């Protein structure tokens, strides 16, 4: 499976039989996702910087909320969570997606704004790759993101939704999360190509460079 970060909370996962795009974002975010093709699009919530479905090429099946889905051999579970720490009163609801593709269990947290509950952690159990917001701004900040990583114990952690040279959002920089995780300076990689057998045995942080 190949994983590319297109910016903000938008990733493209490409497996043997299908491609999936998460939370497509418009150019107003500072990122140009360049109309990636996909069979499936997941939308964590209906804010305009996460639901730019028209920016994805093809005729993908769009998933917009909790439930269990099977599309093109990809199993997806949507889990209801909250976008903020005030029971959704400020930002509303959020959907976390657990995506099973090429025998790898990936979790995209969307704009999760709180530490997952015990029940939610159980629903996300066994996650191997975690796509986690780390820059605050209505979602997890560095400390809360690190605590969430500890609860879910994935094998690979890929941060998203943080300040970059391109981003127009007011978010915290990546280095705060890296310090919380005990990681020094990380060299961003263009993409991740991984098989189940190639996953690390202990939790590792990988930083992806956004597509320009």
Protein backbone atom coordinates (compact mmCIF):
# COMPACT_ATOMS: atom_id res chain seq x y z
CA UNK A 1 0.00 0.00 0.00
CA UNK A 2 1.21 3.50 -0.87
CA UNK A 3 0.37 6.48 1.36
CA UNK A 4 0.80 10.07 0.14
CA UNK A 5 0.02 13.24 2.09
CA UNK A 6 -1.60 15.86 -0.12
CA UNK A 7 -1.77 18.48 2.65
CA UNK A 8 -3.92 19.42 5.67
CA UNK A 9 -5.84 16.19 6.50
CA UNK A 10 -5.90 14.86 2.95
CA UNK A 11 -4.15 11.58 2.15
CA UNK A 12 -4.28 9.21 -0.80
CA UNK A 13 -4.06 5.52 0.02
CA UNK A 14 -3.41 3.30 -3.00
CA UNK A 15 -3.75 -0.45 -2.67
CA UNK A 16 -3.76 -3.38 -5.06
CA UNK A 17 -7.40 -2.99 -6.03
CA UNK A 18 -8.49 0.52 -5.07
CA UNK A 19 -7.45 4.06 -4.18
CA UNK A 20 -8.94 6.13 -1.35
CA UNK A 21 -8.71 9.85 -0.57
CA UNK A 22 -9.40 11.25 2.90
CA UNK A 23 -10.79 14.73 3.67
CA UNK A 24 -10.04 16.44 0.31
CA UNK A 25 -9.26 20.13 0.81
CA UNK A 26 -9.60 23.21 -1.47
CA UNK A 27 -6.83 25.62 -2.47
CA UNK A 28 -8.02 28.08 0.21
CA UNK A 29 -6.19 25.86 2.74
CA UNK A 30 -2.92 26.68 0.97
CA UNK A 31 -2.63 23.20 -0.54
CA UNK A 32 -3.25 22.13 -4.13
CA UNK A 33 -4.25 18.47 -4.11
CA UNK A 34 -4.27 18.42 -7.97
CA UNK A 35 -7.43 16.33 -8.51
CA UNK A 36 -6.22 12.94 -7.31
CA UNK A 37 -8.12 9.96 -8.69
CA UNK A 38 -9.90 7.67 -6.26
CA UNK A 39 -12.48 4.93 -5.97
CA UNK A 40 -13.45 6.03 -2.45
CA UNK A 41 -13.50 9.35 -0.59
CA UNK A 42 -13.99 9.65 3.17
CA UNK A 43 -15.23 12.90 4.72
CA UNK A 44 -14.77 13.25 8.48
CA UNK A 45 -17.04 16.30 8.80
CA UNK A 46 -18.68 18.92 6.63
CA UNK A 47 -16.32 21.87 7.12
CA UNK A 48 -15.20 23.26 3.78
CA UNK A 49 -11.53 22.47 4.36
CA UNK A 50 -12.32 18.76 4.69
CA UNK A 51 -15.16 18.02 2.24
CA UNK A 52 -13.91 19.26 -1.13
CA UNK A 53 -15.17 16.13 -2.88
CA UNK A 54 -15.37 17.88 -6.26
CA UNK A 55 -11.58 18.15 -6.13
CA UNK A 56 -11.23 14.38 -6.59
CA UNK A 57 -11.19 12.92 -10.12
CA UNK A 58 -13.35 10.03 -11.25
CA UNK A 59 -16.67 8.93 -9.77
CA UNK A 60 -15.68 7.83 -6.27
CA UNK A 61 -18.04 6.45 -3.67
CA UNK A 62 -18.24 9.11 -0.94
CA UNK A 63 -18.55 8.10 2.71
CA UNK A 64 -19.77 10.80 5.08
CA UNK A 65 -20.42 9.27 8.47
CA UNK A 66 -20.49 6.35 10.88
CA UNK A 67 -21.21 2.83 9.68
CA UNK A 68 -19.61 -0.18 8.08
CA UNK A 69 -18.78 -0.14 4.38
CA UNK A 70 -17.18 -2.49 1.86
CA UNK A 71 -16.16 -0.93 -1.45
CA UNK A 72 -13.81 -2.44 -4.05
CA UNK A 73 -12.48 -4.88 -1.49
CA UNK A 74 -11.76 -2.17 1.07
CA UNK A 75 -13.41 -2.47 4.49
CA UNK A 76 -14.18 0.85 6.20
CA UNK A 77 -15.65 1.50 9.64
CA UNK A 78 -16.81 5.01 10.52
CA UNK A 79 -16.81 5.82 14.25
CA UNK A 80 -18.70 8.80 15.65
CA UNK A 81 -16.54 11.20 17.67
CA UNK A 82 -16.57 14.93 18.46
CA UNK A 83 -14.67 17.77 16.79
CA UNK A 84 -14.01 19.66 20.04
CA UNK A 85 -13.62 19.15 23.77
CA UNK A 86 -17.06 20.64 24.57
CA UNK A 87 -19.33 17.83 23.38
CA UNK A 88 -19.55 19.31 19.91
CA UNK A 89 -21.02 22.64 20.99
CA UNK A 90 -18.34 24.62 19.14
CA UNK A 91 -17.35 22.51 16.13
CA UNK A 92 -19.91 19.70 15.89
CA UNK A 93 -19.32 16.01 15.21
CA UNK A 94 -16.44 14.16 13.58
CA UNK A 95 -16.10 10.69 12.07
CA UNK A 96 -12.97 8.60 12.56
CA UNK A 97 -12.41 6.02 9.81
CA UNK A 98 -10.70 2.66 10.21
CA UNK A 99 -9.67 1.50 6.74
CA UNK A 100 -8.59 -2.08 5.99
CA UNK A 101 -6.67 -2.19 2.72
CA UNK A 102 -4.03 -4.71 1.59
CA UNK A 103 -4.23 -6.43 5.00
CA UNK A 104 -3.18 -3.20 6.75
CA UNK A 105 -5.46 -1.45 9.25
CA UNK A 106 -5.16 2.34 8.91
CA UNK A 107 -7.02 4.89 11.05
CA UNK A 108 -7.71 8.47 9.91
CA UNK A 109 -8.78 10.55 12.91
CA UNK A 110 -10.17 13.46 10.90
CA UNK A 111 -10.60 16.51 13.12
CA UNK A 112 -10.84 14.58 16.37
CA UNK A 113 -10.94 17.15 19.16
CA UNK A 114 -10.73 15.00 22.30
CA UNK A 115 -8.93 12.01 23.76
CA UNK A 116 -10.83 8.92 22.58
CA UNK A 117 -13.07 7.24 25.13
CA UNK A 118 -12.46 3.65 26.22
CA UNK A 119 -15.25 2.46 23.91
CA UNK A 120 -13.80 4.37 20.98
CA UNK A 121 -10.32 3.00 21.66
CA UNK A 122 -11.81 -0.49 21.57
CA UNK A 123 -13.45 0.22 18.20
CA UNK A 124 -10.07 1.40 16.87
CA UNK A 125 -8.12 -1.50 18.35
CA UNK A 126 -5.52 -3.16 16.19
CA UNK A 127 -4.77 -0.05 14.17
CA UNK A 128 -1.37 -0.32 12.51
CA UNK A 129 -1.05 3.07 10.79
CA UNK A 130 -2.46 6.14 12.54
CA UNK A 131 -3.08 9.42 10.69
CA UNK A 132 -3.34 11.90 13.56
CA UNK A 133 -3.99 15.67 13.78
CA UNK A 134 -1.33 17.31 15.96
CA UNK A 135 -1.64 21.07 15.45
CA UNK A 136 -4.58 22.04 17.65
CA UNK A 137 -6.93 24.62 16.16
CA UNK A 138 -10.06 22.74 17.23
CA UNK A 139 -8.40 19.31 17.00
CA UNK A 140 -5.86 17.43 19.11
CA UNK A 141 -2.83 19.47 20.11
CA UNK A 142 0.63 17.92 20.47
CA UNK A 143 0.13 16.59 24.01
CA UNK A 144 -3.34 15.17 23.34
CA UNK A 145 -2.15 13.62 20.07
CA UNK A 146 0.73 11.90 21.88
CA UNK A 147 -1.67 10.57 24.53
CA UNK A 148 -3.96 9.25 21.79
CA UNK A 149 -1.00 7.49 20.16
CA UNK A 150 -0.21 5.89 23.51
CA UNK A 151 -3.78 4.62 23.86
CA UNK A 152 -4.01 3.18 20.34
CA UNK A 153 -0.41 1.85 20.13
CA UNK A 154 -0.12 1.86 16.33
CA UNK A 155 3.01 0.68 14.58
CA UNK A 156 3.34 3.77 12.39
CA UNK A 157 2.22 7.30 13.24
CA UNK A 158 1.86 9.90 10.49
CA UNK A 159 1.08 13.44 11.73
CA UNK A 160 -1.25 15.77 9.83
CA UNK A 161 -3.14 19.05 10.30
CA UNK A 162 -0.24 21.21 11.53
CA UNK A 163 1.44 24.44 10.45
CA UNK A 164 3.52 24.30 7.26
CA UNK A 165 4.89 26.92 4.88
CA UNK A 166 1.81 26.35 2.71
CA UNK A 167 -0.96 26.15 5.30
CA UNK A 168 -3.29 29.12 5.78
CA UNK A 169 -4.77 27.74 9.02
CA UNK A 170 -3.59 28.90 12.43
CA UNK A 171 -2.07 25.68 13.72
CA UNK A 172 0.84 24.64 15.92
CA UNK A 173 4.11 23.49 14.33
CA UNK A 174 5.05 19.84 13.99
CA UNK A 175 8.08 20.03 16.30
CA UNK A 176 5.86 20.26 19.41
CA UNK A 177 4.39 16.84 18.63
CA UNK A 178 7.77 15.37 17.83
CA UNK A 179 9.06 16.53 21.23
CA UNK A 180 6.05 14.96 22.95
CA UNK A 181 6.86 11.71 21.16
CA UNK A 182 10.56 11.91 22.05
CA UNK A 183 11.54 12.22 18.40
CA UNK A 184 14.29 14.52 17.16
CA UNK A 185 14.29 16.25 13.80
CA UNK A 186 12.57 14.12 11.18
CA UNK A 187 13.31 14.18 7.45
CA UNK A 188 10.00 14.24 5.55
CA UNK A 189 9.49 11.44 3.05
CA UNK A 190 7.65 11.89 -0.24
CA UNK A 191 5.43 8.88 0.39
CA UNK A 192 5.18 5.66 2.32
CA UNK A 193 5.18 2.29 0.57
CA UNK A 194 4.46 -0.46 3.07
CA UNK A 195 3.38 -4.07 3.34
CA UNK A 196 2.09 -5.78 6.45
CA UNK A 197 5.35 -7.67 6.88
CA UNK A 198 7.31 -4.42 6.57
CA UNK A 199 5.60 -2.61 9.44
CA UNK A 200 7.84 -1.80 12.43
CA UNK A 201 7.41 -3.88 15.58
CA UNK A 202 7.26 -0.82 17.86
CA UNK A 203 5.59 2.55 17.37
CA UNK A 204 7.49 4.83 15.01
CA UNK A 205 6.70 8.33 13.77
CA UNK A 206 7.02 9.00 10.05
CA UNK A 207 6.71 12.51 8.63
CA UNK A 208 5.44 12.82 5.08
CA UNK A 209 6.08 15.83 2.87
CA UNK A 210 2.93 17.30 1.36
CA UNK A 211 2.53 17.23 -2.39
CA UNK A 212 3.40 20.55 -4.05
